[in-house]
Protein backbone atom coordinates (compact mmCIF):
# COMPACT_ATOMS: atom_id res chain seq x y z
CA UNK A 1 0.04 0.12 -0.15
CA UNK A 2 1.23 3.18 -1.11
CA UNK A 3 0.25 6.55 0.94
CA UNK A 4 0.75 9.86 -1.03
CA UNK A 5 0.38 12.57 1.11
CA UNK A 6 -1.24 15.77 -0.20
CA UNK A 7 -1.57 19.69 0.82
CA UNK A 8 -5.28 20.01 -0.47
CA UNK A 9 -8.00 18.86 -2.64
CA UNK A 10 -6.46 20.18 -5.99
CA UNK A 11 -2.73 18.43 -5.43
CA UNK A 12 -5.09 15.42 -4.90
CA UNK A 13 -6.65 15.65 -7.82
CA UNK A 14 -3.63 16.21 -10.35
CA UNK A 15 -1.73 13.43 -8.86
CA UNK A 16 -5.08 11.35 -9.38
CA UNK A 17 -5.53 12.33 -12.77
CA UNK A 18 -1.68 11.79 -13.69
CA UNK A 19 -2.11 8.09 -12.30
CA UNK A 20 -4.99 7.74 -14.66
CA UNK A 21 -3.35 9.40 -17.63
CA UNK A 22 -0.40 7.43 -17.35
CA UNK A 23 -2.55 4.19 -17.48
CA UNK A 24 -4.18 5.20 -20.62
CA UNK A 25 -1.14 6.35 -22.24
CA UNK A 26 0.35 2.72 -21.51
CA UNK A 27 -2.77 0.86 -22.53
CA UNK A 28 -5.28 3.03 -24.62
CA UNK A 29 -8.24 0.72 -24.10
CA UNK A 30 -7.50 0.63 -20.06
CA UNK A 31 -10.64 -0.49 -18.05
CA UNK A 32 -11.29 2.04 -15.60
CA UNK A 33 -13.46 1.66 -12.72
CA UNK A 34 -15.09 5.46 -11.70
CA UNK A 35 -16.36 6.72 -8.73
CA UNK A 36 -18.85 10.01 -7.73
CA UNK A 37 -18.65 12.42 -4.82
CA UNK A 38 -16.95 15.84 -4.16
CA UNK A 39 -13.74 14.64 -4.44
CA UNK A 40 -14.00 13.32 -7.67
CA UNK A 41 -15.17 16.57 -9.44
CA UNK A 42 -11.52 17.80 -9.52
CA UNK A 43 -10.38 14.52 -10.71
CA UNK A 44 -12.70 14.84 -13.75
CA UNK A 45 -11.87 18.38 -14.41
CA UNK A 46 -8.24 17.72 -14.40
CA UNK A 47 -9.25 14.89 -16.90
CA UNK A 48 -11.12 16.93 -19.26
CA UNK A 49 -8.12 19.43 -19.33
CA UNK A 50 -5.56 17.00 -20.57
CA UNK A 51 -8.30 15.57 -23.03
CA UNK A 52 -9.05 19.04 -24.15
CA UNK A 53 -5.16 19.52 -24.74
CA UNK A 54 -4.89 16.79 -27.04
CA UNK A 55 -2.75 14.50 -24.54
CA UNK A 56 -5.50 12.20 -23.71
CA UNK A 57 -7.83 10.01 -25.56
CA UNK A 58 -10.82 8.25 -24.36
CA UNK A 59 -11.74 6.48 -27.77
CA UNK A 60 -11.06 3.05 -26.40
CA UNK A 61 -11.37 3.57 -22.70
CA UNK A 62 -14.33 1.37 -21.12
CA UNK A 63 -15.51 2.33 -18.10
CA UNK A 64 -17.97 0.99 -14.93
CA UNK A 65 -19.01 3.02 -12.23
CA UNK A 66 -19.02 1.54 -8.44
CA UNK A 67 -22.55 2.26 -7.97
CA UNK A 68 -25.89 3.94 -8.31
CA UNK A 69 -28.82 5.10 -6.03
CA UNK A 70 -31.99 2.41 -6.61
CA UNK A 71 -34.92 4.33 -7.85
CA UNK A 72 -33.39 7.15 -9.54
CA UNK A 73 -33.55 7.84 -13.46
CA UNK A 74 -30.62 8.73 -15.25
CA UNK A 75 -31.75 12.30 -15.66
CA UNK A 76 -32.13 13.06 -12.24
CA UNK A 77 -30.08 15.53 -10.86
CA UNK A 78 -28.82 13.54 -7.86
CA UNK A 79 -27.98 10.34 -9.83
CA UNK A 80 -25.08 9.05 -10.88
CA UNK A 81 -25.51 8.82 -14.16
CA UNK A 82 -26.24 12.32 -14.25
CA UNK A 83 -23.01 13.55 -12.02
CA UNK A 84 -20.74 11.30 -14.51
CA UNK A 85 -22.22 12.82 -17.48
CA UNK A 86 -21.94 16.57 -16.49
CA UNK A 87 -18.57 16.15 -14.89
CA UNK A 88 -16.90 13.80 -17.37
CA UNK A 89 -18.57 12.08 -20.37
CA UNK A 90 -19.79 15.11 -22.17
CA UNK A 91 -16.57 16.82 -22.23
CA UNK A 92 -14.34 13.70 -23.41
CA UNK A 93 -14.43 11.51 -26.51
CA UNK A 94 -15.65 8.30 -24.66
CA UNK A 95 -17.58 5.70 -26.99
CA UNK A 96 -20.91 5.78 -25.15
CA UNK A 97 -21.13 1.92 -25.88
CA UNK A 98 -17.93 1.76 -23.71
CA UNK A 99 -19.84 3.39 -20.85
CA UNK A 100 -21.48 1.37 -18.07
CA UNK A 101 -23.45 2.51 -14.84
CA UNK A 102 -25.65 0.69 -12.85
CA UNK A 103 -29.63 1.21 -13.90
CA UNK A 104 -31.31 2.59 -10.78
CA UNK A 105 -34.58 1.83 -12.51
CA UNK A 106 -34.48 -1.46 -12.60
CA UNK A 107 -37.48 -3.38 -10.98
CA UNK A 108 -37.41 -7.01 -9.70
CA UNK A 109 -34.88 -10.01 -10.14
CA UNK A 110 -32.07 -7.63 -8.82
CA UNK A 111 -29.68 -10.50 -8.25
CA UNK A 112 -29.54 -11.38 -12.34
CA UNK A 113 -29.12 -7.56 -13.13
CA UNK A 114 -26.17 -7.66 -10.71
CA UNK A 115 -25.15 -10.80 -11.90
CA UNK A 116 -25.06 -9.34 -15.74
CA UNK A 117 -23.06 -6.29 -14.61
CA UNK A 118 -20.03 -8.53 -13.17
CA UNK A 119 -20.28 -10.41 -16.37
CA UNK A 120 -19.94 -7.35 -18.18
CA UNK A 121 -17.02 -6.51 -16.19
CA UNK A 122 -15.23 -10.03 -16.85
CA UNK A 123 -15.90 -9.95 -20.75
CA UNK A 124 -14.22 -6.31 -20.64
CA UNK A 125 -10.81 -8.42 -19.28
CA UNK A 126 -11.77 -7.20 -15.66
CA UNK A 127 -10.90 -3.65 -14.13
CA UNK A 128 -7.32 -2.07 -14.87
CA UNK A 129 -7.65 0.84 -12.46
CA UNK A 130 -10.76 1.41 -9.83
CA UNK A 131 -11.26 4.92 -8.36
CA UNK A 132 -12.52 4.65 -4.82
CA UNK A 133 -14.02 7.39 -2.64
CA UNK A 134 -14.35 6.74 1.14
CA UNK A 135 -17.54 7.27 3.44
CA UNK A 136 -17.27 8.78 6.89
CA UNK A 137 -17.60 5.12 8.23
CA UNK A 138 -15.14 3.40 5.75
CA UNK A 139 -17.45 2.20 3.41
CA UNK A 140 -16.11 2.18 -0.35
CA UNK A 141 -19.07 2.11 -2.88
CA UNK A 142 -22.03 1.70 -1.01
CA UNK A 143 -20.49 -1.50 1.02
CA UNK A 144 -21.67 -0.63 4.36
CA UNK A 145 -20.24 -1.71 7.58
CA UNK A 146 -20.65 -5.54 7.93
CA UNK A 147 -20.42 -5.66 3.93
CA UNK A 148 -18.89 -9.36 3.22
CA UNK A 149 -14.89 -9.06 2.36
CA UNK A 150 -16.04 -11.64 -0.47
CA UNK A 151 -19.37 -9.35 -1.41
CA UNK A 152 -20.11 -8.99 -5.34
CA UNK A 153 -22.16 -6.39 -6.99
CA UNK A 154 -25.86 -6.19 -5.32
CA UNK A 155 -28.65 -4.28 -4.20
CA UNK A 156 -27.67 -2.92 -0.76
CA UNK A 157 -29.47 -1.11 1.77
CA UNK A 158 -27.92 2.58 2.98
CA UNK A 159 -26.77 2.97 6.43
CA UNK A 160 -28.72 5.96 9.03
CA UNK A 161 -25.06 8.05 8.41
CA UNK A 162 -24.80 7.57 4.70
CA UNK A 163 -28.42 8.95 4.29
CA UNK A 164 -28.03 11.71 6.79
CA UNK A 165 -24.84 12.58 4.83
CA UNK A 166 -27.13 12.22 1.59
CA UNK A 167 -29.97 13.79 2.76
CA UNK A 168 -28.12 17.45 2.05
CA UNK A 169 -28.42 16.76 -1.91
CA UNK A 170 -31.83 16.58 -2.48
CA UNK A 171 -34.70 19.03 -2.31
CA UNK A 172 -36.99 19.88 0.83
CA UNK A 173 -39.34 17.24 1.24
CA UNK A 174 -37.88 14.66 -1.02
CA UNK A 175 -36.59 11.57 0.28
CA UNK A 176 -33.19 10.22 -0.86
CA UNK A 177 -32.92 6.85 -2.24
CA UNK A 178 -32.75 4.23 0.99
CA UNK A 179 -30.83 1.60 -1.50
CA UNK A 180 -28.09 1.52 -4.04
CA UNK A 181 -26.82 -1.19 -6.42
CA UNK A 182 -23.27 -1.28 -5.68
CA UNK A 183 -19.93 -3.09 -6.69
CA UNK A 184 -19.21 -5.46 -3.56
CA UNK A 185 -15.56 -5.25 -2.09
CA UNK A 186 -14.83 -8.82 -3.79
CA UNK A 187 -15.25 -7.16 -7.17
CA UNK A 188 -13.46 -3.95 -6.19
CA UNK A 189 -10.39 -6.38 -5.09
CA UNK A 190 -10.15 -8.01 -8.12
CA UNK A 191 -9.23 -4.57 -9.83
CA UNK A 192 -5.31 -4.53 -11.14
CA UNK A 193 -4.97 -1.30 -9.21
CA UNK A 194 -6.94 0.60 -6.84
CA UNK A 195 -6.71 4.51 -6.24
CA UNK A 196 -8.46 6.02 -2.97
CA UNK A 197 -8.91 9.70 -2.47
CA UNK A 198 -10.12 11.31 0.41
CA UNK A 199 -10.02 14.92 1.70
CA UNK A 200 -10.81 16.56 4.72
CA UNK A 201 -11.13 16.13 8.79
CA UNK A 202 -14.47 14.24 8.66
CA UNK A 203 -12.67 11.45 6.46
CA UNK A 204 -9.58 11.29 9.08
CA UNK A 205 -11.16 8.61 11.20
CA UNK A 206 -12.03 6.37 8.17
CA UNK A 207 -8.74 6.69 6.59
CA UNK A 208 -6.59 5.93 9.61
CA UNK A 209 -8.87 2.73 10.27
CA UNK A 210 -8.40 1.73 6.87
CA UNK A 211 -4.77 2.10 6.63
CA UNK A 212 -3.50 1.45 10.08
CA UNK A 213 -6.46 -0.67 11.62
CA UNK A 214 -7.35 -4.06 11.64
CA UNK A 215 -9.19 -5.70 8.59
CA UNK A 216 -12.68 -5.84 9.51
CA UNK A 217 -16.08 -5.46 8.17
CA UNK A 218 -16.79 -2.43 10.25
CA UNK A 219 -14.75 -0.71 7.94
CA UNK A 220 -15.16 -1.81 4.16
CA UNK A 221 -12.04 -0.17 3.31
CA UNK A 222 -9.69 -1.89 5.84
CA UNK A 223 -10.24 -4.85 3.18
CA UNK A 224 -7.79 -3.05 0.84
CA UNK A 225 -4.86 -3.85 2.85
CA UNK A 226 -5.36 -7.12 1.10
CA UNK A 227 -4.79 -5.99 -2.38
CA UNK A 228 -1.07 -5.87 -3.48
CA UNK A 229 -1.34 -2.37 -5.95
CA UNK A 230 -3.50 0.33 -3.56
CA UNK A 231 -2.41 3.77 -3.31
CA UNK A 232 -4.05 6.19 -1.14
CA UNK A 233 -3.98 9.91 -1.98
CA UNK A 234 -4.78 12.20 0.81
CA UNK A 235 -4.70 15.76 2.26
CA UNK A 236 -3.01 16.86 5.43
CA UNK A 237 -6.61 17.23 7.12
CA UNK A 238 -7.56 13.16 6.12
CA UNK A 239 -3.82 12.18 7.30
CA UNK A 240 -4.20 14.21 10.76
CA UNK A 241 -5.08 10.58 12.42
CA UNK A 242 -2.42 8.64 11.27
CA UNK A 243 0.43 7.61 13.29
CA UNK A 244 2.95 6.75 10.53
CA UNK A 245 2.98 9.60 8.62
CA UNK A 246 6.69 10.44 8.82
CA UNK A 247 7.09 6.65 7.54
CA UNK A 248 4.89 7.23 4.35
CA UNK A 249 6.48 10.52 3.29
CA UNK A 250 10.06 8.42 3.44
CA UNK A 251 8.46 5.39 1.16
CA UNK A 252 7.05 8.10 -1.14
CA UNK A 253 10.72 9.48 -1.69
CA UNK A 254 12.16 6.02 -2.07
CA UNK A 255 9.22 5.16 -4.41
CA UNK A 256 9.53 7.93 -6.31
CA UNK A 257 13.52 6.71 -6.85
CA UNK A 258 13.32 3.03 -7.32
CA UNK A 259 9.93 2.88 -8.79
CA UNK A 260 8.80 6.23 -10.53
CA UNK A 261 5.93 4.41 -12.70
CA UNK A 262 4.12 3.66 -9.42
CA UNK A 263 3.21 7.71 -9.42
CA UNK A 264 2.41 7.93 -12.91
């Protein structure tokens, strides 16, 4: 696990975009796992900038999003379909046929639909780089506490903490979705490389538990400790509760000297 400490959200965005761009340059038909949330906005802005400069071609890239709210149509302003279109897809040359986001409008036979999403990932050759955010309770995707480390794409009931966090995004009187379709932890762990971004003091406890705590279903991101190629890119505030920050700085210096490819 590589921990990259940055000063702020802008530096996080630049570093993450550099890693993704490097991956696409090495493999133009890269399969990219995408996430939503405020931390991702800056990353996607950087990727759009690189594309418009002419230095980043998405024409062969295949994308799979982590999750989507159950019950929201793609046109709903709080759907993850809408988020991705507004912040990334409308501004780059990605082939719409290569874009995969769980369908929040499906009804019935959720298991069959989720199995088909898994099959689409397999047919694409698996995910090369998976981008992740992290919730205050340590969830990745919508894998709430108690999620199995071996879990696959499925329908998931959202925790009260997640519902409370999400309520502010919806209009007064509009109930936020109580369930979501999400890749499972097992699905995420099959990605060849994982990059998790976190900014702000509200994420510091979850970050510390994920990196330095025990592997536990109470903090789904702690399962990333089992993966051989994980990079955390976090700002000073999100790193506040880490006990080994000086060591992470030394590791980063040596990584830059010995294996610069890991940094993009």
